Amino acid sequence: MANRLRDPVAWQPDIDGSVSGYDEWYLAESPGMFAQARGRAVVEVEDAMRATDDFRMFDADTLAAQPGALFVARMCVSPPMARDRFVGFSGANKSLVTTMERDGILPARAHRLRMQLQVMCDFLRPLLDPGLFCWLEDNRAPTPDERDKTLLVIGERLASAFYLPALRNGQEARQKELMRAYLEAEGLEESRRPPFEMPPGTFGFGRNVRVFRADGEPQNLPCDCVVAPLDAELPLACIELKSAGDFTNVNKRRKEESDKHDALKRAHGDRAVFLLQIFGYFGRPYLGFEAAVGIDWAWDHRLSDLAPYLGIT
């Protein structure tokens, strides 16, 4: 029977089991992820301090030579400044800032690039944390202890920025491995063909399905996993992989699944079905909402609930 059609009281054992499973996974995996994030962060700070002579030469030339130092510099001010706030306060070009921080490069074409870089430096330089960059006021090099302290503190600030994406990537990789193992054990094979051209009994990860927005405009709907069921009469299964470490955020984001479900229905009717693979903190309010709009799910600890949708007997 579909999970969404079960008595909500019967959901509780699976909710409890999924929360417990997530907690075990998190406690086992997150320390290593954070250690790697901290190590990467320290390297980034070292590179930025070397390129800017410990921020004594933080100007357009040094930022052009080390574009990734901009991200480090935002963590060096007191208090650390979010990207959007930095863009709003400084007037810097958001696209340029994003490219520099995300890719560590300067775009091939950027309007008035040197002026933009100087604006960034002129805005950030007076805000550098005086408790950490005490040598700047004296116009001297830092002592080894001062430099080490600053390196560790800024590295810790950066670590969270690297850790959270690593945690999300780890969650996604874990779910993909489980899904792939389940599908292959049931005789399905991976396919690179477009979703509606996949032969029965095949699957693919990270595909776009063409749909329509509520206003009629076409758009690509990213799908974590698409499955052409073994039974050719069944609709294409579009599966969203979702992990969560708390109950609050999933309730805030649940309408996103409803919108994707509606977009698939508008574009493909009964030729596609939207499903969830869930792991972690998904409680009755979330599940009740999804059930009410017609979305079904399978828990990571029992992916066999997908069998009726995939033609698996």
Protein backbone atom coordinates (compact mmCIF):
# COMPACT_ATOMS: atom_id res chain seq x y z
CA MET A 1 0.00 0.00 0.00
CA ALA A 2 1.22 3.53 -0.75
CA ASN A 3 2.70 5.24 2.31
CA ARG A 4 0.57 8.32 1.76
CA LEU A 5 -2.62 6.24 2.06
CA ARG A 6 -1.69 4.70 5.40
CA ASP A 7 -3.10 5.88 8.72
CA PRO A 8 -0.82 8.76 9.86
CA VAL A 9 -0.45 7.04 13.23
CA ALA A 10 1.24 4.19 11.37
CA TRP A 11 3.90 6.60 10.08
CA GLN A 12 5.44 7.13 13.52
CA PRO A 13 7.64 4.00 13.72
CA ASP A 14 9.21 4.89 10.38
CA ILE A 15 9.67 8.51 11.46
CA ASP A 16 11.39 7.39 14.67
CA GLY A 17 13.54 4.87 12.82
CA SER A 18 14.61 7.39 10.21
CA VAL A 19 15.52 10.01 12.82
CA SER A 20 17.56 7.44 14.72
CA GLY A 21 19.28 6.32 11.52
CA TYR A 22 20.13 9.88 10.55
CA ASP A 23 21.55 10.63 13.99
CA GLU A 24 23.77 7.56 13.81
CA TRP A 25 24.99 8.49 10.34
CA TYR A 26 25.62 12.11 11.34
CA LEU A 27 27.60 11.25 14.47
CA ALA A 28 29.70 8.78 12.51
CA GLU A 29 30.39 10.91 9.43
CA SER A 30 30.23 14.59 10.38
CA PRO A 31 33.45 14.77 12.48
CA GLY A 32 35.53 13.61 9.54
CA MET A 33 33.73 15.98 7.18
CA PHE A 34 34.36 18.92 9.48
CA ALA A 35 38.03 17.99 9.92
CA GLN A 36 38.45 17.97 6.13
CA ALA A 37 36.60 21.29 5.87
CA ARG A 38 38.84 22.85 8.52
CA GLY A 39 41.96 21.62 6.75
CA ARG A 40 40.77 23.07 3.44
CA ALA A 41 39.85 26.34 5.14
CA VAL A 42 43.30 26.75 6.72
CA VAL A 43 44.92 26.26 3.31
CA GLU A 44 42.63 28.91 1.80
CA VAL A 45 43.51 31.39 4.55
CA GLU A 46 47.23 30.67 4.22
CA ASP A 47 47.05 31.30 0.46
CA ALA A 48 45.17 34.57 0.94
CA MET A 49 47.55 35.83 3.63
CA ARG A 50 50.56 34.93 1.52
CA ALA A 51 49.12 36.67 -1.56
CA THR A 52 48.33 39.86 0.39
CA ASP A 53 51.43 39.94 2.61
CA ASP A 54 49.24 39.19 5.65
CA PHE A 55 46.67 41.72 4.35
CA ARG A 56 49.20 44.56 4.45
CA MET A 57 48.93 44.70 0.62
CA PHE A 58 45.22 44.08 0.11
CA ASP A 59 44.52 45.97 -3.11
CA ALA A 60 43.26 45.48 -6.66
CA ASP A 61 46.54 43.92 -7.82
CA THR A 62 46.74 41.29 -5.08
CA LEU A 63 43.02 40.50 -5.39
CA ALA A 64 43.40 40.08 -9.16
CA ALA A 65 46.27 37.67 -8.57
CA GLN A 66 44.31 35.70 -5.92
CA PRO A 67 40.54 36.18 -6.58
CA GLY A 68 39.64 33.55 -3.99
CA ALA A 69 41.09 35.82 -1.30
CA LEU A 70 37.87 37.82 -1.45
CA PHE A 71 35.97 35.05 0.33
CA VAL A 72 38.67 34.89 3.00
CA ALA A 73 38.58 38.69 3.37
CA ARG A 74 34.86 38.64 4.08
CA MET A 75 35.57 36.27 6.97
CA CYS A 76 38.35 38.55 8.21
CA VAL A 77 36.13 41.53 8.98
CA SER A 78 34.38 42.06 12.30
CA PRO A 79 31.77 40.66 12.25
CA PRO A 80 32.17 38.30 9.28
CA MET A 81 30.01 39.52 6.41
CA ALA A 82 27.63 37.47 4.26
CA ARG A 83 28.04 37.75 0.50
CA ASP A 84 24.74 39.52 -0.20
CA ARG A 85 25.37 42.03 2.59
CA PHE A 86 28.86 42.71 1.26
CA VAL A 87 27.49 43.28 -2.25
CA GLY A 88 24.78 45.59 -0.91
CA PHE A 89 27.10 47.66 1.28
CA SER A 90 30.05 47.90 -1.10
CA GLY A 91 28.16 48.25 -4.38
CA ALA A 92 30.30 45.53 -5.94
CA ASN A 93 28.94 43.55 -8.88
CA LYS A 94 27.25 40.42 -7.51
CA SER A 95 28.06 38.26 -10.52
CA LEU A 96 31.74 39.23 -10.29
CA VAL A 97 31.85 38.52 -6.54
CA THR A 98 30.16 35.13 -7.01
CA THR A 99 32.57 34.09 -9.76
CA MET A 100 35.62 35.12 -7.76
CA GLU A 101 34.50 33.29 -4.62
CA ARG A 102 32.97 30.22 -6.20
CA ASP A 103 35.51 29.58 -8.97
CA GLY A 104 38.57 31.46 -7.70
CA ILE A 105 38.97 33.23 -11.05
CA LEU A 106 38.21 36.55 -12.72
CA PRO A 107 35.62 36.44 -15.51
CA ALA A 108 37.00 36.80 -19.02
CA ARG A 109 34.95 39.93 -19.54
CA ALA A 110 34.02 42.22 -16.68
CA HIS A 111 33.06 45.88 -16.91
CA ARG A 112 35.59 48.20 -15.23
CA LEU A 113 37.23 45.25 -13.50
CA ARG A 114 40.10 47.03 -11.76
CA MET A 115 37.79 49.69 -10.36
CA GLN A 116 35.46 46.96 -9.06
CA LEU A 117 38.35 45.18 -7.34
CA GLN A 118 39.56 48.38 -5.73
CA VAL A 119 36.05 49.15 -4.47
CA MET A 120 35.96 45.76 -2.77
CA CYS A 121 39.33 46.25 -1.11
CA ASP A 122 38.63 49.82 -0.02
CA PHE A 123 35.40 48.71 1.61
CA LEU A 124 36.79 45.66 3.42
CA ARG A 125 40.19 46.96 4.52
CA PRO A 126 38.95 49.31 7.31
CA LEU A 127 36.70 46.53 8.65
CA LEU A 128 39.44 43.93 9.14
CA ASP A 129 39.12 42.55 12.67
CA PRO A 130 41.53 44.64 14.81
CA GLY A 131 41.67 41.90 17.43
CA LEU A 132 43.17 39.54 14.86
CA PHE A 133 45.06 41.89 12.53
CA CYS A 134 46.72 43.93 15.27
CA TRP A 135 49.89 44.41 13.18
CA LEU A 136 48.14 46.48 10.51
CA GLU A 137 47.75 49.56 12.70
CA ASP A 138 51.48 49.45 13.48
CA ASN A 139 52.37 48.84 9.82
CA ARG A 140 54.53 45.86 10.66
CA ALA A 141 54.72 42.15 9.95
CA PRO A 142 52.88 39.87 12.38
CA THR A 143 54.77 37.81 14.90
CA PRO A 144 54.58 34.03 14.36
CA ASP A 145 52.13 33.71 17.26
CA GLU A 146 49.92 36.52 15.93
CA ARG A 147 49.90 35.01 12.49
CA ASP A 148 49.10 31.51 13.77
CA LYS A 149 46.26 32.82 15.92
CA THR A 150 44.73 34.71 13.01
CA LEU A 151 45.17 31.76 10.69
CA LEU A 152 43.36 29.42 13.06
CA VAL A 153 40.50 31.80 13.91
CA ILE A 154 39.77 32.74 10.29
CA GLY A 155 40.16 29.12 9.27
CA GLU A 156 37.52 28.17 11.81
CA ARG A 157 35.19 30.82 10.38
CA LEU A 158 35.66 29.46 6.88
CA ALA A 159 35.32 25.84 7.98
CA SER A 160 31.55 26.06 8.41
CA ALA A 161 31.16 27.46 4.90
CA PHE A 162 32.99 24.43 3.50
CA TYR A 163 31.46 21.92 5.91
CA LEU A 164 27.78 22.51 5.19
CA PRO A 165 28.06 21.82 1.42
CA ALA A 166 30.18 18.76 2.22
CA LEU A 167 27.46 17.53 4.57
CA ARG A 168 24.78 18.01 1.91
CA ASN A 169 26.95 16.28 -0.69
CA GLY A 170 27.56 13.40 1.71
CA GLN A 171 23.84 13.00 2.32
CA GLU A 172 23.12 13.02 -1.41
CA ALA A 173 25.90 10.55 -2.21
CA ARG A 174 24.67 8.18 0.48
CA GLN A 175 21.12 8.24 -0.89
CA LYS A 176 22.26 7.77 -4.48
CA GLU A 177 24.32 4.74 -3.49
CA LEU A 178 21.32 3.21 -1.72
CA MET A 179 19.02 3.88 -4.65
CA ARG A 180 21.47 2.55 -7.22
CA ALA A 181 22.07 -0.60 -5.17
CA TYR A 182 18.32 -1.19 -4.80
CA LEU A 183 17.53 -0.67 -8.49
CA GLU A 184 20.42 -2.81 -9.74
CA ALA A 185 19.54 -5.59 -7.29
CA GLU A 186 16.06 -5.62 -8.86
CA GLY A 187 17.49 -5.99 -12.35
CA LEU A 188 17.32 -2.37 -13.57
CA GLU A 189 20.21 -0.86 -15.51
CA GLU A 190 21.54 2.68 -15.73
CA SER A 191 20.80 4.57 -18.96
CA ARG A 192 22.10 7.84 -20.40
CA ARG A 193 19.12 8.38 -22.68
CA PRO A 194 16.67 11.27 -22.11
CA PRO A 195 13.99 10.51 -19.50
CA PHE A 196 11.07 9.74 -21.82
CA GLU A 197 13.32 7.83 -24.22
CA MET A 198 14.70 5.45 -21.59
CA PRO A 199 13.78 1.81 -22.26
CA PRO A 200 11.74 -0.04 -19.62
CA GLY A 201 13.83 -1.24 -16.69
CA THR A 202 16.39 1.59 -16.75
CA PHE A 203 17.25 4.56 -14.55
CA GLY A 204 19.40 7.66 -14.48
CA PHE A 205 20.57 10.27 -11.97
CA GLY A 206 20.62 14.04 -12.33
CA ARG A 207 18.26 14.49 -15.29
CA ASN A 208 16.12 17.38 -16.47
CA VAL A 209 12.47 16.79 -17.33
CA ARG A 210 10.76 19.38 -19.50
CA VAL A 211 7.69 20.83 -17.74
CA PHE A 212 5.58 24.00 -17.69
CA ARG A 213 5.26 26.61 -14.98
CA ALA A 214 1.87 27.73 -13.73
CA ASP A 215 2.02 30.67 -16.19
CA GLY A 216 2.59 28.30 -19.10
CA GLU A 217 6.29 29.06 -19.57
CA PRO A 218 8.45 25.97 -20.29
CA GLN A 219 11.22 25.07 -17.87
CA ASN A 220 13.56 22.22 -17.03
CA LEU A 221 12.72 20.39 -13.81
CA PRO A 222 15.87 18.89 -12.22
CA CYS A 223 15.18 15.32 -11.07
CA ASP A 224 17.58 13.50 -8.77
CA CYS A 225 16.62 10.10 -10.16
CA VAL A 226 14.35 9.04 -13.03
CA VAL A 227 13.24 5.46 -13.54
CA ALA A 228 11.54 3.89 -16.55
CA PRO A 229 9.66 1.05 -14.80
CA LEU A 230 10.03 -2.58 -15.78
CA ASP A 231 6.35 -2.46 -16.71
CA ALA A 232 6.16 -0.22 -19.77
CA GLU A 233 2.57 0.70 -18.92
CA LEU A 234 3.61 2.48 -15.71
CA PRO A 235 4.51 6.20 -15.68
CA LEU A 236 8.07 7.51 -15.55
CA ALA A 237 9.09 7.74 -11.88
CA CYS A 238 10.75 11.07 -10.99
CA ILE A 239 12.31 10.65 -7.55
CA GLU A 240 13.53 13.49 -5.33
CA LEU A 241 16.26 12.48 -2.84
CA LYS A 242 15.79 14.32 0.45
CA SER A 243 17.75 14.21 3.72
CA ALA A 244 17.14 16.43 6.72
CA GLY A 245 18.74 16.91 10.13
CA ASP A 246 15.81 18.76 11.72
CA PHE A 247 12.02 18.95 11.46
CA THR A 248 11.76 22.72 10.97
CA ASN A 249 13.39 23.24 7.59
CA VAL A 250 11.55 20.42 5.85
CA ASN A 251 8.22 22.01 6.75
CA LYS A 252 9.42 25.35 5.37
CA ARG A 253 10.42 23.74 2.05
CA ARG A 254 7.61 21.24 1.55
CA LYS A 255 5.78 23.41 -0.98
CA GLU A 256 8.73 23.01 -3.34
CA GLU A 257 7.83 19.33 -3.79
CA SER A 258 4.19 20.24 -4.33
CA ASP A 259 5.18 22.70 -7.06
CA LYS A 260 7.32 20.06 -8.80
CA HIS A 261 4.50 17.53 -8.56
CA ASP A 262 2.09 20.03 -10.11
CA ALA A 263 4.52 20.93 -12.90
CA LEU A 264 4.93 17.28 -13.87
CA LYS A 265 1.18 16.78 -13.91
CA ARG A 266 0.63 19.86 -16.08
CA ALA A 267 3.21 18.76 -18.63
CA HIS A 268 2.88 14.99 -18.68
CA GLY A 269 -0.36 14.00 -16.96
CA ASP A 270 -0.36 10.28 -16.17
CA ARG A 271 2.93 9.71 -18.02
CA ALA A 272 4.99 10.72 -14.97
CA VAL A 273 4.76 10.39 -11.20
CA PHE A 274 6.64 12.43 -8.59
CA LEU A 275 8.02 10.46 -5.61
CA LEU A 276 10.28 11.09 -2.62
CA GLN A 277 13.16 9.12 -1.14
CA ILE A 278 13.54 10.44 2.41
CA PHE A 279 16.01 10.06 5.24
CA GLY A 280 16.11 11.84 8.58
CA TYR A 281 13.72 14.29 10.19
CA PHE A 282 10.45 14.09 8.27
CA GLY A 283 7.54 14.25 10.71
CA ARG A 284 3.78 13.99 10.46
CA PRO A 285 3.14 17.64 9.44
CA TYR A 286 5.49 17.25 6.47
CA LEU A 287 4.20 13.82 5.48
CA GLY A 288 0.60 14.89 5.92
CA PHE A 289 1.11 17.83 3.57
CA GLU A 290 2.76 15.65 0.92
CA ALA A 291 0.03 13.02 1.23
CA ALA A 292 -2.68 15.65 0.85
CA VAL A 293 -1.28 16.87 -2.47
CA GLY A 294 -0.86 13.31 -3.78
CA ILE A 295 2.88 12.75 -3.29
CA ASP A 296 4.08 9.35 -2.09
CA TRP A 297 7.44 8.47 -0.54
CA ALA A 298 9.79 5.67 0.43
CA TRP A 299 12.13 5.74 3.43
CA ASP A 300 15.79 4.96 2.94
CA HIS A 301 15.39 2.00 5.29
CA ARG A 302 12.63 0.50 3.08
CA LEU A 303 13.09 1.43 -0.56
CA SER A 304 11.02 -1.61 -1.49
CA ASP A 305 7.97 0.65 -1.00
CA LEU A 306 8.81 1.97 -4.47
CA ALA A 307 8.25 -1.45 -6.02
CA PRO A 308 4.64 -0.87 -7.20
CA TYR A 309 5.70 2.31 -9.01
CA LEU A 310 8.64 0.59 -10.70
CA GLY A 311 6.94 -2.58 -11.85
CA ILE A 312 8.96 -4.67 -9.41
CA THR A 313 7.15 -7.81 -8.23
